[in-house]
Amino acid sequence: MTLAEYRKKRGEPLIREDADGAHDDKHPGALEYVQIGVILAIITAAEVGLYYLDLDFTLLVAMLLTLSVVKFAMVVLWFMHLKFDASLFSILFAGGLALAFVVFGVAIAVLRGSLT
């Protein structure tokens, strides 16, 4: 059953009048999306550049993971609009990221610290 069918069954209007423009003042404009896109491109270029530097493997992995977490947070907060929604959604995404790190840590521990 779709939301429209459910609302029709309950006698509710298909489009709520109080929902028009409810989030317009909170969401960023096109310029901010372009700025975030440029920042993400710069971080990606930094990640690619780091790969070609002669760094210790552990340091390289730590730096790449840190940059990936920053990119993840920016994409989730702005492009998925979590910055403007209820904090529960942000907590769920942060919990998922933390869980991923725990699983990664357990996998590394099982492999005795070898990533290769």
Protein backbone atom coordinates (compact mmCIF):
# COMPACT_ATOMS: atom_id res chain seq x y z
CA MET A 1 0.00 0.00 0.00
CA THR A 2 1.39 3.39 -0.95
CA LEU A 3 1.30 6.45 1.26
CA ALA A 4 -1.26 8.04 -1.08
CA GLU A 5 -3.53 4.98 -0.81
CA TYR A 6 -3.15 4.99 2.98
CA ARG A 7 -4.03 8.67 3.25
CA LYS A 8 -6.96 8.25 0.86
CA LYS A 9 -8.24 5.32 2.96
CA ARG A 10 -8.03 7.42 6.14
CA GLY A 11 -9.68 10.39 4.44
CA GLU A 12 -6.58 12.59 4.71
CA PRO A 13 -5.59 14.97 1.95
CA LEU A 14 -2.90 13.60 -0.37
CA ILE A 15 -0.80 16.75 0.00
CA ARG A 16 -0.60 18.31 3.43
CA GLU A 17 -1.03 22.05 3.31
CA ASP A 18 1.23 22.62 6.33
CA ALA A 19 4.13 20.83 4.59
CA ASP A 20 4.55 23.39 1.80
CA GLY A 21 7.85 25.19 2.28
CA ALA A 22 8.47 23.63 5.69
CA HIS A 23 12.17 23.06 5.07
CA ASP A 24 12.94 25.73 2.48
CA ASP A 25 14.69 28.04 4.92
CA LYS A 26 16.90 25.27 6.31
CA HIS A 27 18.33 23.73 3.13
CA PRO A 28 21.38 25.27 1.48
CA GLY A 29 21.34 26.88 -1.91
CA ALA A 30 23.12 25.78 -5.06
CA LEU A 31 26.27 27.75 -4.21
CA GLU A 32 26.77 25.83 -0.97
CA TYR A 33 26.35 22.52 -2.80
CA VAL A 34 29.01 23.59 -5.31
CA GLN A 35 31.33 24.59 -2.45
CA ILE A 36 30.85 21.21 -0.77
CA GLY A 37 31.49 19.49 -4.11
CA VAL A 38 34.75 21.43 -4.53
CA ILE A 39 35.83 20.52 -0.99
CA LEU A 40 35.07 16.85 -1.68
CA ALA A 41 37.07 17.02 -4.92
CA ILE A 42 40.03 18.55 -3.07
CA ILE A 43 39.90 15.83 -0.41
CA THR A 44 39.75 13.17 -3.15
CA ALA A 45 42.76 14.74 -4.89
CA ALA A 46 44.61 14.73 -1.55
CA GLU A 47 43.81 11.03 -1.12
CA VAL A 48 45.15 10.23 -4.58
CA GLY A 49 48.25 12.35 -3.93
CA LEU A 50 48.87 10.61 -0.59
CA TYR A 51 48.89 7.26 -2.33
CA TYR A 52 51.82 8.32 -4.52
CA LEU A 53 53.90 9.64 -1.60
CA ASP A 54 56.45 7.33 -0.04
CA LEU A 55 54.74 6.99 3.34
CA ASP A 56 54.77 4.24 5.92
CA PHE A 57 51.92 1.86 5.14
CA THR A 58 50.25 2.28 8.55
CA LEU A 59 50.44 6.07 8.32
CA LEU A 60 49.02 5.98 4.78
CA VAL A 61 46.07 3.82 5.85
CA ALA A 62 45.37 6.02 8.88
CA MET A 63 45.43 9.20 6.78
CA LEU A 64 43.23 7.71 4.06
CA LEU A 65 40.72 6.45 6.62
CA THR A 66 40.60 9.87 8.26
CA LEU A 67 39.98 11.63 4.95
CA SER A 68 37.34 9.05 4.06
CA VAL A 69 35.50 9.67 7.33
CA VAL A 70 35.54 13.42 6.64
CA LYS A 71 34.12 12.85 3.15
CA PHE A 72 31.51 10.45 4.50
CA ALA A 73 30.39 13.00 7.08
CA MET A 74 30.15 15.80 4.52
CA VAL A 75 28.15 13.72 2.06
CA VAL A 76 25.79 12.48 4.75
CA LEU A 77 25.30 15.87 6.37
CA TRP A 78 24.75 17.96 3.26
CA PHE A 79 23.75 15.77 0.33
CA MET A 80 21.58 13.45 2.41
CA HIS A 81 20.25 16.48 4.37
CA LEU A 82 20.97 15.00 7.80
CA LYS A 83 22.29 18.34 8.95
CA PHE A 84 18.76 19.66 8.62
CA ASP A 85 16.81 16.64 9.92
CA ALA A 86 16.23 15.13 13.33
CA SER A 87 19.38 14.26 15.26
CA LEU A 88 18.26 10.61 15.48
CA PHE A 89 19.23 10.11 11.84
CA SER A 90 22.68 11.55 12.46
CA ILE A 91 23.10 9.25 15.45
CA LEU A 92 22.11 6.23 13.35
CA PHE A 93 24.61 7.10 10.63
CA ALA A 94 27.36 7.77 13.18
CA GLY A 95 26.53 4.46 14.83
CA GLY A 96 26.80 2.70 11.48
CA LEU A 97 30.18 4.28 10.85
CA ALA A 98 31.37 3.29 14.33
CA LEU A 99 30.13 -0.26 13.74
CA ALA A 100 32.03 -0.40 10.46
CA PHE A 101 35.22 0.62 12.26
CA VAL A 102 34.65 -2.02 14.93
CA VAL A 103 34.14 -4.71 12.27
CA PHE A 104 37.25 -3.48 10.45
CA GLY A 105 39.22 -3.57 13.71
CA VAL A 106 38.07 -7.12 14.45
CA ALA A 107 39.01 -8.21 10.93
CA ILE A 108 42.46 -6.70 11.34
CA ALA A 109 42.86 -8.40 14.73
CA VAL A 110 41.86 -11.76 13.24
CA LEU A 111 44.38 -11.27 10.40
CA ARG A 112 47.03 -10.38 13.01
CA GLY A 113 47.42 -6.80 11.78
CA SER A 114 48.12 -7.65 8.17
CA LEU A 115 46.22 -5.58 5.62
CA THR A 116 47.82 -7.29 2.64
